[in-house]
């Protein structure tokens, strides 16, 4: 047992551990430009922060009348995203420090993300986070994406941990809502500062309203 007792930690990936949103934005912008000719702005992108790729593309397929099936669009988005991601995806320094400290303390950890398994594996490997984070679950492996609790419950099962013993680190309101629905504690580090007042974040056990600008590993460890 770790020095943190039975506590297990589940991390969201995009916007929480790594700053991958700029790469997803560029990949999404290029995909929509090719299929629809429609411009796609950063403000448009912020509407989908925290929503799984599968659900986002299902919405776009209907809203923009894209003929290609969702599975084909996901594969295309992944190809575009991974080309950018492999060229560079920064890890938030305080998050890397936290992961290292938790690993050294023997705390079970997993990643639960709305990205595809291929994207998760590529990011963890490319950033070196796979040295500490080997267990992960994608939203494509569960019935419902965030804000449903499915992906977090699957991650807890993977770790052999009770939901009440799990602490989730999240950057998006749907993820915070999913953690609450799963019966887990939540540390919220909003990627979009303007979303910090979302009611879903009000239920977090620890909230950093200015996101990664104020998040520290020490503050998170104090909660654990």
Protein backbone atom coordinates (compact mmCIF):
# COMPACT_ATOMS: atom_id res chain seq x y z
CA UNK A 1 0.00 0.00 0.00
CA UNK A 2 1.24 3.51 -0.81
CA UNK A 3 1.90 6.25 1.71
CA UNK A 4 -1.45 7.68 0.53
CA UNK A 5 -3.40 4.65 1.77
CA UNK A 6 -5.96 3.31 -0.69
CA UNK A 7 -6.06 6.50 -2.78
CA UNK A 8 -5.89 6.07 -6.56
CA UNK A 9 -5.54 8.91 -9.06
CA UNK A 10 -7.16 9.21 -12.49
CA UNK A 11 -5.97 11.89 -14.89
CA UNK A 12 -7.73 13.35 -17.87
CA UNK A 13 -5.11 13.80 -20.60
CA UNK A 14 -5.81 16.68 -22.97
CA UNK A 15 -5.65 20.06 -21.29
CA UNK A 16 -4.93 18.41 -17.92
CA UNK A 17 -1.63 16.59 -18.24
CA UNK A 18 -0.60 18.00 -21.61
CA UNK A 19 -1.38 21.13 -23.61
CA UNK A 20 -2.70 19.30 -26.66
CA UNK A 21 -5.65 21.54 -27.48
CA UNK A 22 -3.69 23.67 -30.02
CA UNK A 23 -2.89 20.50 -31.96
CA UNK A 24 -6.50 19.28 -31.81
CA UNK A 25 -7.65 22.73 -32.92
CA UNK A 26 -5.39 22.72 -35.96
CA UNK A 27 -6.34 19.15 -36.87
CA UNK A 28 -10.05 19.97 -36.51
CA UNK A 29 -9.69 23.18 -38.51
CA UNK A 30 -8.04 21.33 -41.38
CA UNK A 31 -10.58 18.49 -41.32
CA UNK A 32 -13.57 20.83 -41.44
CA UNK A 33 -11.96 22.97 -44.12
CA UNK A 34 -11.49 19.91 -46.33
CA UNK A 35 -14.97 18.45 -45.79
CA UNK A 36 -17.05 21.62 -45.55
CA UNK A 37 -14.98 24.66 -46.50
CA UNK A 38 -16.15 26.10 -43.19
CA UNK A 39 -13.83 28.31 -41.11
CA UNK A 40 -13.15 27.05 -37.59
CA UNK A 41 -12.02 29.44 -34.89
CA UNK A 42 -10.45 28.97 -31.45
CA UNK A 43 -13.75 30.17 -29.95
CA UNK A 44 -15.52 27.39 -31.88
CA UNK A 45 -13.00 24.91 -30.53
CA UNK A 46 -13.57 25.94 -26.91
CA UNK A 47 -17.16 24.72 -27.18
CA UNK A 48 -15.88 21.15 -27.49
CA UNK A 49 -13.20 21.13 -24.77
CA UNK A 50 -13.87 18.09 -22.60
CA UNK A 51 -16.13 16.36 -25.15
CA UNK A 52 -14.91 13.10 -26.67
CA UNK A 53 -13.69 13.07 -30.27
CA UNK A 54 -16.40 10.55 -31.21
CA UNK A 55 -19.21 12.74 -29.87
CA UNK A 56 -17.74 15.91 -31.35
CA UNK A 57 -17.45 14.39 -34.81
CA UNK A 58 -20.97 12.95 -34.59
CA UNK A 59 -22.23 16.49 -33.93
CA UNK A 60 -20.21 17.95 -36.81
CA UNK A 61 -21.37 15.22 -39.19
CA UNK A 62 -24.99 16.19 -38.55
CA UNK A 63 -24.54 19.93 -38.16
CA UNK A 64 -22.36 20.38 -41.25
CA UNK A 65 -23.88 17.56 -43.31
CA UNK A 66 -20.63 15.67 -43.78
CA UNK A 67 -21.16 12.49 -45.80
CA UNK A 68 -18.24 10.49 -44.38
CA UNK A 69 -19.06 8.12 -41.50
CA UNK A 70 -17.92 8.98 -37.98
CA UNK A 71 -15.36 6.15 -37.90
CA UNK A 72 -13.70 7.51 -41.04
CA UNK A 73 -13.68 11.04 -39.64
CA UNK A 74 -12.11 9.85 -36.38
CA UNK A 75 -9.35 8.07 -38.30
CA UNK A 76 -8.71 11.21 -40.34
CA UNK A 77 -8.70 13.46 -37.29
CA UNK A 78 -6.28 11.10 -35.55
CA UNK A 79 -3.93 11.10 -38.55
CA UNK A 80 -3.85 14.88 -38.66
CA UNK A 81 -3.59 15.24 -34.89
CA UNK A 82 -0.85 12.65 -34.41
CA UNK A 83 1.33 14.28 -37.06
CA UNK A 84 1.16 17.50 -35.05
CA UNK A 85 1.31 15.82 -31.64
CA UNK A 86 4.47 13.87 -32.45
CA UNK A 87 6.16 17.09 -33.51
CA UNK A 88 5.58 18.49 -30.04
CA UNK A 89 3.12 18.23 -27.16
CA UNK A 90 4.18 20.01 -23.96
CA UNK A 91 3.53 18.45 -20.56
CA UNK A 92 2.51 20.91 -17.85
CA UNK A 93 5.58 21.01 -15.56
CA UNK A 94 3.64 20.87 -12.29
CA UNK A 95 1.62 17.94 -13.58
CA UNK A 96 4.78 16.05 -14.51
CA UNK A 97 6.12 16.76 -11.03
CA UNK A 98 2.87 15.48 -9.49
CA UNK A 99 2.91 12.28 -11.55
CA UNK A 100 6.51 11.59 -10.56
CA UNK A 101 5.77 12.18 -6.87
CA UNK A 102 2.71 9.93 -6.93
CA UNK A 103 4.63 7.20 -8.73
CA UNK A 104 7.44 7.37 -6.18
CA UNK A 105 4.85 7.09 -3.40
CA UNK A 106 3.31 3.98 -4.97
CA UNK A 107 -0.07 5.56 -5.79
CA UNK A 108 -2.01 3.66 -8.51
CA UNK A 109 -2.63 5.96 -11.49
CA UNK A 110 -4.51 5.81 -14.78
CA UNK A 111 -5.46 8.10 -17.63
CA UNK A 112 -9.12 8.40 -18.69
CA UNK A 113 -9.55 10.43 -21.86
CA UNK A 114 -11.98 11.27 -24.62
CA UNK A 115 -9.20 10.81 -27.19
CA UNK A 116 -8.68 7.57 -29.09
CA UNK A 117 -6.44 4.85 -27.67
CA UNK A 118 -3.96 5.50 -30.47
CA UNK A 119 -3.77 9.19 -29.58
CA UNK A 120 -3.43 8.50 -25.84
CA UNK A 121 -0.64 5.96 -26.39
CA UNK A 122 1.21 8.28 -28.77
CA UNK A 123 1.08 11.22 -26.37
CA UNK A 124 2.14 9.21 -23.32
CA UNK A 125 5.04 7.68 -25.26
CA UNK A 126 6.09 10.90 -26.97
CA UNK A 127 6.14 12.90 -23.74
CA UNK A 128 7.78 10.21 -21.62
CA UNK A 129 4.75 10.06 -19.33
CA UNK A 130 4.49 6.37 -20.13
CA UNK A 131 7.35 5.86 -17.69
CA UNK A 132 4.82 6.43 -14.90
CA UNK A 133 1.40 6.09 -16.56
CA UNK A 134 0.84 2.68 -18.12
CA UNK A 135 -2.91 2.20 -17.55
CA UNK A 136 -5.37 4.14 -19.65
CA UNK A 137 -8.95 4.04 -20.89
CA UNK A 138 -10.42 5.84 -23.89
CA UNK A 139 -14.01 7.00 -24.26
CA UNK A 140 -14.25 4.79 -27.35
CA UNK A 141 -14.11 1.78 -25.01
CA UNK A 142 -17.17 2.73 -22.98
CA UNK A 143 -20.82 3.25 -23.82
CA UNK A 144 -21.04 6.94 -22.89
CA UNK A 145 -18.53 9.75 -22.89
CA UNK A 146 -18.18 12.50 -20.28
CA UNK A 147 -20.23 13.92 -18.51
CA UNK A 148 -21.35 10.31 -17.97
CA UNK A 149 -19.08 8.56 -15.44
CA UNK A 150 -18.32 5.51 -17.59
CA UNK A 151 -14.69 6.22 -18.51
CA UNK A 152 -13.73 7.03 -14.91
CA UNK A 153 -15.49 3.95 -13.56
CA UNK A 154 -13.67 1.84 -16.16
CA UNK A 155 -10.35 3.36 -15.09
CA UNK A 156 -11.10 2.64 -11.43
CA UNK A 157 -11.90 -0.98 -12.30
CA UNK A 158 -8.64 -1.20 -14.25
CA UNK A 159 -6.78 -0.05 -11.14
CA UNK A 160 -8.78 -2.30 -8.82
CA UNK A 161 -9.84 0.78 -6.85
CA UNK A 162 -13.17 1.71 -5.31
CA UNK A 163 -14.66 4.90 -6.85
CA UNK A 164 -14.75 6.56 -3.40
CA UNK A 165 -10.97 6.10 -3.17
CA UNK A 166 -10.31 7.78 -6.52
CA UNK A 167 -9.30 11.38 -7.14
CA UNK A 168 -9.81 12.74 -10.65
CA UNK A 169 -7.78 15.57 -12.20
CA UNK A 170 -9.79 17.39 -14.86
CA UNK A 171 -9.63 20.56 -16.95
CA UNK A 172 -13.17 20.58 -18.38
CA UNK A 173 -16.65 20.91 -16.91
CA UNK A 174 -18.00 17.67 -18.47
CA UNK A 175 -15.11 15.81 -16.86
CA UNK A 176 -15.74 17.37 -13.47
CA UNK A 177 -19.41 16.38 -13.78
CA UNK A 178 -18.36 12.84 -14.75
CA UNK A 179 -16.11 12.57 -11.69
CA UNK A 180 -18.95 13.68 -9.43
CA UNK A 181 -21.33 11.21 -11.08
CA UNK A 182 -18.78 8.46 -10.52
CA UNK A 183 -18.65 9.24 -6.79
CA UNK A 184 -15.03 10.38 -7.00
CA UNK A 185 -13.24 13.41 -5.63
CA UNK A 186 -12.12 15.95 -8.20
CA UNK A 187 -9.30 18.45 -8.61
CA UNK A 188 -10.34 20.94 -11.28
CA UNK A 189 -7.77 22.86 -13.32
CA UNK A 190 -9.90 24.66 -15.96
CA UNK A 191 -8.25 24.87 -19.38
CA UNK A 192 -10.59 27.70 -20.38
CA UNK A 193 -10.49 30.28 -17.59
CA UNK A 194 -13.93 31.61 -18.52
CA UNK A 195 -15.38 28.17 -17.72
CA UNK A 196 -14.18 28.24 -14.11
CA UNK A 197 -17.60 29.45 -12.93
CA UNK A 198 -19.41 26.51 -14.54
CA UNK A 199 -21.65 24.82 -11.93
CA UNK A 200 -19.88 21.48 -12.54
CA UNK A 201 -16.64 22.96 -11.19
CA UNK A 202 -18.44 24.16 -8.04
CA UNK A 203 -18.65 20.52 -6.92
CA UNK A 204 -14.87 19.99 -7.21
CA UNK A 205 -12.96 19.29 -3.99
CA UNK A 206 -10.18 21.61 -5.12
CA UNK A 207 -10.52 24.24 -7.85
CA UNK A 208 -7.76 26.30 -9.44
CA UNK A 209 -9.82 29.08 -11.14
CA UNK A 210 -6.83 30.32 -13.16
CA UNK A 211 -6.02 26.83 -14.34
CA UNK A 212 -2.41 25.86 -14.87
CA UNK A 213 -1.28 29.41 -14.14
CA UNK A 214 -1.85 28.68 -10.45
CA UNK A 215 -1.85 24.89 -10.18
CA UNK A 216 0.94 23.35 -8.11
CA UNK A 217 1.83 19.75 -7.36
CA UNK A 218 2.24 20.61 -3.69
CA UNK A 219 -1.31 21.96 -3.39
CA UNK A 220 -2.69 18.84 -5.05
CA UNK A 221 -0.65 16.54 -2.83
CA UNK A 222 -1.98 18.36 0.25
CA UNK A 223 -5.52 17.35 -0.74
CA UNK A 224 -4.53 13.74 -1.34
